[in-house]
Amino acid sequence: MPKIEVSLPDRIENEIRRLVEQDEFVNRDQAVEELLTMGVSAYDVEEDEPTTGATEEDMFSQTVEDQQDPAMQDEPRDDGYTF
């Protein structure tokens, strides 16, 4: 298993110490490993998925292209309002 060294803010170190003291984890190493695992899994990263190369600008353009002008719709829409 690879070993890494990290510097943690005091508040994070205190939280880890508190969790270990409250028997949430067996020891500090287990706490750090499980908390890091939970954090990484929160991102739901797929390693096998190739990157599409889509930029934020491409995503914005696609969103704009997907929008439809209500005046250009073929089907009349009954929104419930009458005069």
Protein backbone atom coordinates (compact mmCIF):
# COMPACT_ATOMS: atom_id res chain seq x y z
CA MET A 1 0.00 0.00 0.00
CA PRO A 2 1.45 3.39 -0.94
CA LYS A 3 2.21 5.78 1.87
CA ILE A 4 1.59 9.50 1.64
CA GLU A 5 2.20 12.43 3.91
CA VAL A 6 -0.39 15.18 4.24
CA SER A 7 -0.63 18.34 6.27
CA LEU A 8 -4.05 18.86 7.80
CA PRO A 9 -5.55 21.96 9.34
CA ASP A 10 -5.86 21.74 13.12
CA ARG A 11 -9.65 21.54 12.95
CA ILE A 12 -9.52 18.44 10.71
CA GLU A 13 -6.90 16.79 12.90
CA ASN A 14 -9.05 17.50 15.97
CA GLU A 15 -12.13 16.01 14.26
CA ILE A 16 -10.22 12.85 13.38
CA ARG A 17 -8.90 12.57 16.94
CA ARG A 18 -12.43 13.06 18.29
CA LEU A 19 -13.86 10.35 16.02
CA VAL A 20 -11.18 7.89 17.14
CA GLU A 21 -11.77 8.75 20.81
CA GLN A 22 -15.51 8.16 20.32
CA ASP A 23 -14.72 4.70 18.91
CA GLU A 24 -16.02 5.58 15.46
CA PHE A 25 -12.71 4.19 14.14
CA VAL A 26 -10.23 1.73 15.61
CA ASN A 27 -7.26 4.07 15.16
CA ARG A 28 -6.13 7.21 13.35
CA ASP A 29 -4.85 5.31 10.29
CA GLN A 30 -8.20 3.60 9.77
CA ALA A 31 -10.02 6.91 10.22
CA VAL A 32 -7.87 8.70 7.66
CA GLU A 33 -8.13 5.83 5.16
CA GLU A 34 -11.91 5.53 5.43
CA LEU A 35 -12.52 9.27 5.38
CA LEU A 36 -10.33 9.70 2.29
CA THR A 37 -12.09 6.78 0.61
CA MET A 38 -15.49 8.32 1.31
CA GLY A 39 -14.30 11.69 -0.01
CA VAL A 40 -12.93 10.22 -3.23
CA SER A 41 -16.02 8.08 -3.81
CA ALA A 42 -18.19 11.19 -3.43
CA TYR A 43 -16.76 12.37 -6.75
CA ASP A 44 -17.82 9.09 -8.44
CA VAL A 45 -14.79 9.14 -10.70
CA GLU A 46 -14.83 6.60 -13.55
CA GLU A 47 -11.26 5.67 -14.47
CA ASP A 48 -12.18 3.77 -17.64
CA GLU A 49 -14.19 6.59 -19.14
CA PRO A 50 -12.25 8.60 -21.74
CA THR A 51 -12.37 12.34 -21.42
CA THR A 52 -14.59 13.99 -23.99
CA GLY A 53 -12.63 17.21 -24.08
CA ALA A 54 -15.80 19.27 -23.67
CA THR A 55 -15.10 22.71 -22.34
CA GLU A 56 -17.42 24.93 -20.36
CA GLU A 57 -17.96 27.00 -23.49
CA ASP A 58 -19.05 23.90 -25.45
CA MET A 59 -21.47 22.95 -22.69
CA PHE A 60 -22.94 26.47 -22.67
CA SER A 61 -23.32 26.45 -26.46
CA GLN A 62 -25.06 23.07 -26.38
CA THR A 63 -27.45 24.29 -23.69
CA VAL A 64 -28.33 27.35 -25.75
CA GLU A 65 -28.81 25.21 -28.87
CA ASP A 66 -31.13 22.85 -26.95
CA GLN A 67 -33.42 25.69 -25.94
CA GLN A 68 -36.51 26.28 -28.02
CA ASP A 69 -38.25 29.56 -28.70
CA PRO A 70 -41.92 29.14 -27.61
CA ALA A 71 -43.04 31.29 -30.56
CA MET A 72 -41.43 28.81 -32.97
CA GLN A 73 -43.21 25.72 -31.62
CA ASP A 74 -45.38 23.82 -34.12
CA GLU A 75 -47.99 22.63 -31.62
CA PRO A 76 -50.30 25.15 -29.95
CA ARG A 77 -49.92 25.15 -26.20
CA ASP A 78 -52.91 25.41 -23.90
CA ASP A 79 -51.60 27.31 -20.90
CA GLY A 80 -55.10 27.79 -19.46
CA TYR A 81 -55.34 31.53 -20.11
CA THR A 82 -58.22 32.92 -22.18
CA PHE A 83 -59.52 36.36 -22.94
